[in-house]
N, C-alpha and C. Protein backbone atom coordinates (compact mmCIF):
# COMPACT_ATOMS: atom_id res chain seq x y z
N UNK A 1 122.44 78.85 115.11
CA UNK A 1 122.67 77.56 114.49
C UNK A 1 121.32 76.93 114.18
N UNK A 2 121.09 76.52 112.93
CA UNK A 2 119.82 75.88 112.57
C UNK A 2 119.59 74.61 113.39
N UNK A 3 118.34 74.35 113.67
CA UNK A 3 117.97 73.19 114.47
C UNK A 3 117.12 72.27 113.60
N UNK A 4 117.67 71.10 113.28
CA UNK A 4 116.94 70.13 112.45
C UNK A 4 115.90 69.40 113.29
N UNK A 5 114.77 69.12 112.68
CA UNK A 5 113.75 68.30 113.31
C UNK A 5 112.79 69.05 114.22
N UNK A 6 113.09 70.28 114.56
CA UNK A 6 112.18 71.04 115.41
C UNK A 6 111.19 71.81 114.54
N UNK A 7 110.01 71.97 115.06
CA UNK A 7 108.94 72.64 114.32
C UNK A 7 108.44 73.85 115.12
N UNK A 8 107.54 74.58 114.53
CA UNK A 8 107.01 75.79 115.13
C UNK A 8 106.51 75.56 116.56
N UNK A 9 105.82 74.47 116.81
CA UNK A 9 105.27 74.19 118.13
C UNK A 9 106.37 74.07 119.18
N UNK A 10 107.56 73.62 118.78
CA UNK A 10 108.68 73.55 119.71
C UNK A 10 109.10 74.95 120.14
N UNK A 11 109.02 75.91 119.24
CA UNK A 11 109.31 77.30 119.56
C UNK A 11 108.21 77.90 120.44
N UNK A 12 106.96 77.63 120.07
CA UNK A 12 105.81 78.22 120.74
C UNK A 12 105.77 77.87 122.23
N UNK A 13 106.29 76.73 122.61
CA UNK A 13 106.31 76.31 124.02
C UNK A 13 107.01 77.36 124.88
N UNK A 14 108.02 78.03 124.34
CA UNK A 14 108.81 78.98 125.11
C UNK A 14 108.24 80.40 125.10
N UNK A 15 107.21 80.61 124.32
CA UNK A 15 106.58 81.94 124.24
C UNK A 15 105.61 82.08 125.42
N UNK A 16 105.63 83.26 126.05
CA UNK A 16 104.72 83.53 127.15
C UNK A 16 103.29 83.26 126.70
N UNK A 17 102.46 82.66 127.57
CA UNK A 17 101.08 82.32 127.18
C UNK A 17 100.30 83.51 126.61
N UNK A 18 100.50 84.71 127.16
CA UNK A 18 99.73 85.87 126.70
C UNK A 18 100.19 86.36 125.32
N UNK A 19 101.31 85.85 124.81
CA UNK A 19 101.77 86.23 123.47
C UNK A 19 101.56 85.12 122.44
N UNK A 20 101.13 83.95 122.88
CA UNK A 20 101.05 82.81 121.97
C UNK A 20 100.08 83.00 120.81
N UNK A 21 98.93 83.58 121.06
CA UNK A 21 97.97 83.78 119.97
C UNK A 21 98.56 84.71 118.90
N UNK A 22 99.18 85.79 119.35
CA UNK A 22 99.81 86.73 118.40
C UNK A 22 100.90 86.03 117.59
N UNK A 23 101.74 85.26 118.26
CA UNK A 23 102.83 84.57 117.57
C UNK A 23 102.27 83.54 116.59
N UNK A 24 101.26 82.82 116.98
CA UNK A 24 100.64 81.81 116.10
C UNK A 24 100.01 82.50 114.87
N UNK A 25 99.28 83.59 115.09
CA UNK A 25 98.65 84.31 113.97
C UNK A 25 99.71 84.89 113.04
N UNK A 26 100.77 85.43 113.60
CA UNK A 26 101.85 85.99 112.78
C UNK A 26 102.52 84.89 111.97
N UNK A 27 102.76 83.76 112.59
CA UNK A 27 103.36 82.61 111.90
C UNK A 27 102.52 82.21 110.69
N UNK A 28 101.23 82.06 110.89
CA UNK A 28 100.33 81.67 109.79
C UNK A 28 100.33 82.71 108.69
N UNK A 29 100.28 83.98 109.07
CA UNK A 29 100.28 85.07 108.10
C UNK A 29 101.56 85.07 107.27
N UNK A 30 102.68 84.87 107.92
CA UNK A 30 103.96 84.86 107.20
C UNK A 30 104.00 83.71 106.19
N UNK A 31 103.54 82.54 106.59
CA UNK A 31 103.52 81.39 105.68
C UNK A 31 102.59 81.64 104.50
N UNK A 32 101.42 82.23 104.77
CA UNK A 32 100.46 82.52 103.71
C UNK A 32 100.96 83.58 102.74
N UNK A 33 101.93 84.37 103.17
CA UNK A 33 102.47 85.43 102.32
C UNK A 33 103.82 85.08 101.71
N UNK A 34 104.05 83.80 101.52
CA UNK A 34 105.23 83.36 100.78
C UNK A 34 106.52 83.33 101.57
N UNK A 35 106.44 83.11 102.88
CA UNK A 35 107.65 83.03 103.68
C UNK A 35 107.89 81.60 104.16
N UNK A 36 109.15 81.30 104.34
CA UNK A 36 109.59 79.99 104.83
C UNK A 36 110.03 80.17 106.28
N UNK A 37 109.61 79.25 107.14
CA UNK A 37 109.94 79.29 108.56
C UNK A 37 111.22 78.51 108.82
N UNK A 38 112.08 79.08 109.66
CA UNK A 38 113.30 78.39 110.06
C UNK A 38 113.55 78.68 111.53
N UNK A 39 113.95 77.65 112.26
CA UNK A 39 114.22 77.77 113.68
C UNK A 39 115.71 77.58 113.92
N UNK A 40 116.30 78.47 114.70
CA UNK A 40 117.72 78.38 115.04
C UNK A 40 117.88 78.64 116.54
N UNK A 41 119.04 78.31 117.07
CA UNK A 41 119.32 78.60 118.47
C UNK A 41 120.21 79.82 118.57
N UNK A 42 120.04 80.53 119.68
CA UNK A 42 120.86 81.70 119.97
C UNK A 42 121.14 81.73 121.47
N UNK A 43 121.88 82.72 121.90
CA UNK A 43 122.29 82.81 123.30
C UNK A 43 121.10 82.76 124.27
N UNK A 44 120.03 83.45 123.95
CA UNK A 44 118.88 83.53 124.86
C UNK A 44 117.71 82.64 124.46
N UNK A 45 117.94 81.65 123.63
CA UNK A 45 116.87 80.74 123.23
C UNK A 45 116.76 80.65 121.72
N UNK A 46 115.60 80.24 121.28
CA UNK A 46 115.37 80.08 119.85
C UNK A 46 115.20 81.42 119.13
N UNK A 47 115.52 81.39 117.83
CA UNK A 47 115.22 82.49 116.92
C UNK A 47 114.35 81.89 115.83
N UNK A 48 113.16 82.43 115.67
CA UNK A 48 112.25 81.98 114.62
C UNK A 48 112.34 83.00 113.49
N UNK A 49 112.76 82.54 112.32
CA UNK A 49 112.96 83.43 111.17
C UNK A 49 111.96 83.12 110.07
N UNK A 50 111.59 84.17 109.34
CA UNK A 50 110.67 84.04 108.21
C UNK A 50 111.33 84.68 107.00
N UNK A 51 111.72 83.83 106.07
CA UNK A 51 112.41 84.27 104.86
C UNK A 51 111.41 84.33 103.71
N UNK A 52 111.37 85.47 103.04
CA UNK A 52 110.52 85.63 101.87
C UNK A 52 111.14 84.78 100.76
N UNK A 53 110.45 83.77 100.32
CA UNK A 53 111.02 82.79 99.41
C UNK A 53 111.45 83.42 98.09
N UNK A 54 110.64 84.30 97.53
CA UNK A 54 110.97 84.87 96.22
C UNK A 54 112.13 85.85 96.29
N UNK A 55 112.18 86.69 97.31
CA UNK A 55 113.29 87.65 97.42
C UNK A 55 114.51 87.03 98.10
N UNK A 56 114.29 85.90 98.76
CA UNK A 56 115.34 85.19 99.50
C UNK A 56 115.89 85.99 100.68
N UNK A 57 115.17 86.99 101.14
CA UNK A 57 115.59 87.81 102.28
C UNK A 57 114.64 87.60 103.45
N UNK A 58 115.19 87.64 104.64
CA UNK A 58 114.39 87.49 105.85
C UNK A 58 113.52 88.73 106.03
N UNK A 59 112.27 88.52 106.37
CA UNK A 59 111.32 89.61 106.62
C UNK A 59 111.28 89.94 108.11
N UNK A 60 111.30 88.90 108.95
CA UNK A 60 111.22 89.14 110.39
C UNK A 60 111.72 87.95 111.16
N UNK A 61 112.04 88.22 112.44
CA UNK A 61 112.41 87.18 113.41
C UNK A 61 111.64 87.42 114.69
N UNK A 62 111.40 86.34 115.39
CA UNK A 62 111.05 86.40 116.81
C UNK A 62 112.32 86.00 117.53
N UNK A 63 112.75 86.81 118.49
CA UNK A 63 113.94 86.51 119.27
C UNK A 63 113.62 86.71 120.75
N UNK A 64 114.30 85.96 121.57
CA UNK A 64 114.14 86.11 123.01
C UNK A 64 115.26 86.97 123.56
N UNK A 65 114.92 87.88 124.44
CA UNK A 65 115.87 88.68 125.19
C UNK A 65 115.53 88.53 126.66
N UNK A 66 116.38 89.02 127.52
CA UNK A 66 116.11 88.94 128.96
C UNK A 66 114.80 89.60 129.32
N UNK A 67 114.43 90.62 128.54
CA UNK A 67 113.19 91.36 128.80
C UNK A 67 111.95 90.67 128.24
N UNK A 68 112.13 89.62 127.44
CA UNK A 68 111.00 88.91 126.87
C UNK A 68 111.12 88.75 125.37
N UNK A 69 109.99 88.48 124.73
CA UNK A 69 109.95 88.24 123.30
C UNK A 69 110.05 89.56 122.52
N UNK A 70 110.89 89.55 121.50
CA UNK A 70 111.13 90.72 120.65
C UNK A 70 110.84 90.33 119.20
N UNK A 71 110.30 91.27 118.44
CA UNK A 71 110.15 91.12 116.99
C UNK A 71 111.20 92.00 116.33
N UNK A 72 111.94 91.40 115.39
CA UNK A 72 112.88 92.18 114.56
C UNK A 72 112.30 92.15 113.15
N UNK A 73 111.97 93.33 112.62
CA UNK A 73 111.43 93.43 111.27
C UNK A 73 112.52 94.01 110.38
N UNK A 74 112.73 93.38 109.26
CA UNK A 74 113.68 93.87 108.27
C UNK A 74 112.88 94.70 107.27
N UNK A 75 112.77 95.99 107.56
CA UNK A 75 111.94 96.90 106.76
C UNK A 75 112.70 97.42 105.54
N UNK A 76 113.07 96.53 104.66
CA UNK A 76 113.87 96.90 103.49
C UNK A 76 113.16 97.90 102.59
N UNK A 77 111.84 97.95 102.66
CA UNK A 77 111.06 98.86 101.80
C UNK A 77 110.44 100.01 102.58
N UNK A 78 110.95 100.28 103.77
CA UNK A 78 110.35 101.26 104.66
C UNK A 78 110.21 102.64 104.02
N UNK A 79 111.06 102.98 103.09
CA UNK A 79 110.95 104.26 102.40
C UNK A 79 109.67 104.41 101.62
N UNK A 80 108.97 103.30 101.35
CA UNK A 80 107.72 103.33 100.59
C UNK A 80 106.49 103.48 101.48
N UNK A 81 106.68 103.40 102.79
CA UNK A 81 105.53 103.53 103.69
C UNK A 81 105.88 104.33 104.95
N UNK A 82 106.59 105.43 104.74
CA UNK A 82 106.99 106.26 105.88
C UNK A 82 105.79 106.89 106.60
N UNK A 83 104.68 107.12 105.89
CA UNK A 83 103.49 107.65 106.57
C UNK A 83 103.06 106.70 107.68
N UNK A 84 103.20 105.41 107.43
CA UNK A 84 102.85 104.42 108.45
C UNK A 84 103.72 104.60 109.70
N UNK A 85 105.02 104.86 109.51
CA UNK A 85 105.91 105.01 110.66
C UNK A 85 105.43 106.12 111.60
N UNK A 86 104.89 107.18 111.00
CA UNK A 86 104.40 108.29 111.82
C UNK A 86 103.22 107.88 112.70
N UNK A 87 102.52 106.82 112.34
CA UNK A 87 101.36 106.38 113.11
C UNK A 87 101.73 105.44 114.26
N UNK A 88 102.99 105.05 114.36
CA UNK A 88 103.42 104.13 115.42
C UNK A 88 103.27 104.78 116.80
N UNK A 89 103.04 103.97 117.82
CA UNK A 89 103.03 104.51 119.18
C UNK A 89 104.39 105.15 119.51
N UNK A 90 104.38 106.12 120.40
CA UNK A 90 105.59 106.87 120.73
C UNK A 90 106.74 105.97 121.19
N UNK A 91 106.44 104.93 121.96
CA UNK A 91 107.48 104.03 122.43
C UNK A 91 108.19 103.33 121.28
N UNK A 92 107.46 102.94 120.26
CA UNK A 92 108.06 102.28 119.10
C UNK A 92 108.90 103.27 118.30
N UNK A 93 108.40 104.50 118.17
CA UNK A 93 109.18 105.53 117.45
C UNK A 93 110.49 105.82 118.19
N UNK A 94 110.42 105.92 119.51
CA UNK A 94 111.63 106.17 120.30
C UNK A 94 112.64 105.05 120.12
N UNK A 95 112.15 103.82 120.06
CA UNK A 95 113.03 102.67 119.85
C UNK A 95 113.76 102.78 118.51
N UNK A 96 113.04 103.21 117.49
CA UNK A 96 113.64 103.37 116.15
C UNK A 96 114.70 104.47 116.18
N UNK A 97 114.37 105.59 116.78
CA UNK A 97 115.30 106.72 116.83
C UNK A 97 116.56 106.35 117.61
N UNK A 98 116.41 105.57 118.68
CA UNK A 98 117.55 105.18 119.51
C UNK A 98 118.40 104.07 118.88
N UNK A 99 117.88 103.39 117.87
CA UNK A 99 118.63 102.31 117.22
C UNK A 99 119.92 102.86 116.62
N UNK A 100 120.95 102.01 116.54
CA UNK A 100 122.24 102.50 116.01
C UNK A 100 122.14 102.93 114.55
N UNK A 101 122.93 103.95 114.24
CA UNK A 101 123.04 104.37 112.84
C UNK A 101 123.82 103.31 112.08
N UNK A 102 123.55 103.22 110.80
CA UNK A 102 124.22 102.22 109.97
C UNK A 102 125.66 102.63 109.70
N UNK A 103 126.58 101.75 110.00
CA UNK A 103 127.99 102.01 109.76
C UNK A 103 128.31 102.10 108.28
N UNK A 104 127.46 101.53 107.46
CA UNK A 104 127.67 101.60 106.01
C UNK A 104 127.68 103.06 105.55
N UNK A 105 126.83 103.86 106.16
CA UNK A 105 126.77 105.28 105.79
C UNK A 105 127.89 106.07 106.47
N UNK A 106 128.25 105.64 107.68
CA UNK A 106 129.25 106.37 108.45
C UNK A 106 130.68 105.95 108.12
N UNK A 107 130.88 104.65 107.90
CA UNK A 107 132.22 104.11 107.69
C UNK A 107 132.09 102.80 106.91
N UNK A 108 131.88 102.86 105.60
CA UNK A 108 131.51 101.70 104.79
C UNK A 108 132.29 100.40 105.00
N UNK A 109 133.58 100.40 105.13
CA UNK A 109 134.24 99.10 105.24
C UNK A 109 133.92 98.34 106.53
N UNK A 110 133.37 99.01 107.54
CA UNK A 110 133.14 98.36 108.83
C UNK A 110 131.74 97.80 108.98
N UNK A 111 130.93 97.88 107.98
CA UNK A 111 129.56 97.39 108.07
C UNK A 111 129.46 95.97 107.53
N UNK A 112 128.47 95.25 107.99
CA UNK A 112 128.16 93.93 107.46
C UNK A 112 127.79 94.10 105.99
N UNK A 113 128.41 93.34 105.12
CA UNK A 113 128.19 93.49 103.68
C UNK A 113 126.74 93.21 103.26
N UNK A 114 125.99 92.49 104.09
CA UNK A 114 124.59 92.18 103.77
C UNK A 114 123.61 93.24 104.26
N UNK A 115 124.10 94.22 104.97
CA UNK A 115 123.21 95.19 105.61
C UNK A 115 122.55 96.11 104.60
N UNK A 116 123.26 97.05 104.07
CA UNK A 116 122.65 98.02 103.15
C UNK A 116 121.97 99.16 103.84
N UNK A 117 121.62 98.99 105.11
CA UNK A 117 121.01 100.06 105.89
C UNK A 117 119.60 100.40 105.45
N UNK A 118 118.93 101.16 106.27
CA UNK A 118 117.60 101.68 105.98
C UNK A 118 117.65 103.19 106.05
N UNK A 119 117.14 103.85 105.02
CA UNK A 119 117.06 105.31 104.99
C UNK A 119 115.58 105.66 104.91
N UNK A 120 115.14 106.51 105.85
CA UNK A 120 113.72 106.86 105.89
C UNK A 120 113.54 108.13 106.70
N UNK A 121 112.36 108.73 106.57
CA UNK A 121 111.99 109.90 107.36
C UNK A 121 111.11 109.47 108.52
N UNK A 122 111.37 110.06 109.67
CA UNK A 122 110.52 109.85 110.84
C UNK A 122 110.56 111.14 111.64
N UNK A 123 109.40 111.71 111.88
CA UNK A 123 109.34 112.97 112.61
C UNK A 123 110.02 114.11 111.89
N UNK A 124 110.01 114.06 110.56
CA UNK A 124 110.62 115.11 109.77
C UNK A 124 112.14 115.04 109.68
N UNK A 125 112.73 114.00 110.25
CA UNK A 125 114.18 113.84 110.24
C UNK A 125 114.55 112.60 109.43
N UNK A 126 115.58 112.73 108.61
CA UNK A 126 116.06 111.56 107.87
C UNK A 126 116.92 110.72 108.80
N UNK A 127 116.68 109.40 108.76
CA UNK A 127 117.43 108.45 109.56
C UNK A 127 118.14 107.47 108.64
N UNK A 128 119.35 107.09 109.03
CA UNK A 128 120.13 106.07 108.33
C UNK A 128 120.47 105.03 109.37
N UNK A 129 119.65 104.00 109.45
CA UNK A 129 119.74 103.03 110.53
C UNK A 129 120.19 101.66 110.03
N UNK A 130 120.76 100.91 110.96
CA UNK A 130 121.22 99.55 110.67
C UNK A 130 120.02 98.65 110.39
N UNK A 131 120.10 97.89 109.34
CA UNK A 131 119.03 96.96 108.95
C UNK A 131 118.73 95.95 110.06
N UNK A 132 119.74 95.57 110.82
CA UNK A 132 119.59 94.50 111.80
C UNK A 132 119.06 94.96 113.15
N UNK A 133 119.17 96.24 113.46
CA UNK A 133 118.76 96.72 114.78
C UNK A 133 117.71 97.81 114.76
N UNK A 134 117.31 98.24 113.59
CA UNK A 134 116.44 99.39 113.46
C UNK A 134 115.02 99.15 113.98
N UNK A 135 114.44 98.06 113.59
CA UNK A 135 113.03 97.82 113.89
C UNK A 135 112.89 96.60 114.81
N UNK A 136 113.33 96.77 116.05
CA UNK A 136 113.22 95.72 117.06
C UNK A 136 112.26 96.20 118.15
N UNK A 137 111.17 95.45 118.33
CA UNK A 137 110.13 95.89 119.24
C UNK A 137 109.74 94.76 120.20
N UNK A 138 109.53 95.10 121.47
CA UNK A 138 109.00 94.09 122.39
C UNK A 138 107.57 93.74 121.99
N UNK A 139 107.23 92.49 122.15
CA UNK A 139 105.87 92.05 121.86
C UNK A 139 105.03 92.31 123.11
N UNK A 140 104.08 93.23 122.99
CA UNK A 140 103.16 93.53 124.08
C UNK A 140 101.84 94.02 123.48
N UNK A 141 100.89 94.28 124.35
CA UNK A 141 99.55 94.67 123.88
C UNK A 141 99.59 95.89 122.97
N UNK A 142 100.41 96.87 123.30
CA UNK A 142 100.47 98.09 122.50
C UNK A 142 101.13 97.87 121.15
N UNK A 143 102.14 97.02 121.11
CA UNK A 143 102.91 96.86 119.86
C UNK A 143 102.30 95.85 118.88
N UNK A 144 101.46 94.95 119.36
CA UNK A 144 100.94 93.90 118.47
C UNK A 144 100.24 94.44 117.22
N UNK A 145 99.24 95.33 117.34
CA UNK A 145 98.58 95.83 116.12
C UNK A 145 99.55 96.54 115.16
N UNK A 146 100.42 97.45 115.66
CA UNK A 146 101.35 98.08 114.71
C UNK A 146 102.35 97.10 114.09
N UNK A 147 102.76 96.09 114.82
CA UNK A 147 103.66 95.08 114.24
C UNK A 147 102.96 94.37 113.09
N UNK A 148 101.70 94.02 113.28
CA UNK A 148 100.92 93.37 112.21
C UNK A 148 100.88 94.27 110.96
N UNK A 149 100.59 95.55 111.17
CA UNK A 149 100.49 96.48 110.04
C UNK A 149 101.85 96.68 109.38
N UNK A 150 102.90 96.76 110.17
CA UNK A 150 104.26 96.91 109.64
C UNK A 150 104.57 95.73 108.73
N UNK A 151 104.29 94.52 109.20
CA UNK A 151 104.56 93.33 108.39
C UNK A 151 103.71 93.31 107.12
N UNK A 152 102.46 93.76 107.21
CA UNK A 152 101.60 93.83 106.03
C UNK A 152 102.21 94.76 104.98
N UNK A 153 102.68 95.93 105.41
CA UNK A 153 103.30 96.87 104.48
C UNK A 153 104.53 96.25 103.83
N UNK A 154 105.39 95.66 104.63
CA UNK A 154 106.64 95.10 104.09
C UNK A 154 106.35 93.92 103.15
N UNK A 155 105.45 93.04 103.54
CA UNK A 155 105.12 91.90 102.68
C UNK A 155 104.47 92.35 101.38
N UNK A 156 103.61 93.34 101.44
CA UNK A 156 102.97 93.86 100.23
C UNK A 156 104.04 94.38 99.27
N UNK A 157 104.97 95.16 99.78
CA UNK A 157 106.05 95.70 98.93
C UNK A 157 106.88 94.58 98.32
N UNK A 158 107.23 93.61 99.13
CA UNK A 158 108.07 92.52 98.60
C UNK A 158 107.32 91.68 97.57
N UNK A 159 106.03 91.42 97.83
CA UNK A 159 105.26 90.63 96.87
C UNK A 159 105.04 91.38 95.57
N UNK A 160 104.84 92.71 95.64
CA UNK A 160 104.67 93.53 94.44
C UNK A 160 105.98 93.53 93.65
N UNK A 161 107.11 93.70 94.33
CA UNK A 161 108.40 93.70 93.67
C UNK A 161 108.63 92.40 92.90
N UNK A 162 108.27 91.30 93.53
CA UNK A 162 108.47 90.01 92.88
C UNK A 162 107.54 89.84 91.69
N UNK A 163 106.31 90.37 91.80
CA UNK A 163 105.38 90.29 90.66
C UNK A 163 105.88 91.14 89.49
N UNK A 164 106.43 92.34 89.83
CA UNK A 164 106.95 93.22 88.80
C UNK A 164 108.18 92.65 88.11
N UNK A 165 108.92 91.83 88.83
CA UNK A 165 110.16 91.25 88.28
C UNK A 165 109.88 90.15 87.27
N UNK A 166 108.63 89.67 87.26
CA UNK A 166 108.30 88.57 86.31
C UNK A 166 107.52 89.04 85.13
């Protein structure tokens, strides 16, 4: 549920101190790359979303889970930077492989109509994963640099697409 009147700093208060710099830098980067910030509430706390204004699609969220802060990246253009996926740390790759397969490919009427799924190669295997659960990573020292690079790749693709459309 959207929360009126709250700002980024209201969200940042709930972020672990050791993750605050990363979250602040990511927030600034997303805004500088044409994204709009929105704060909503969820079962385990706030959800901070960044919607690419030109494509009108969310690029990423920060969400809280019992295990801590998680980044969900909507890698809609992941097929254009699969070489990057191969460079991810093993833990992040395992998380991707373990993510649920997209029901759109398995049983189309049962999938969320906004999903569309992600199809990409990782480790020489084609994956058809759910857009909403495919790229969810805990925020920690190991994942921070690859998360930054992942977002750079996705934002570059989205910004190029929007430039090409005009």
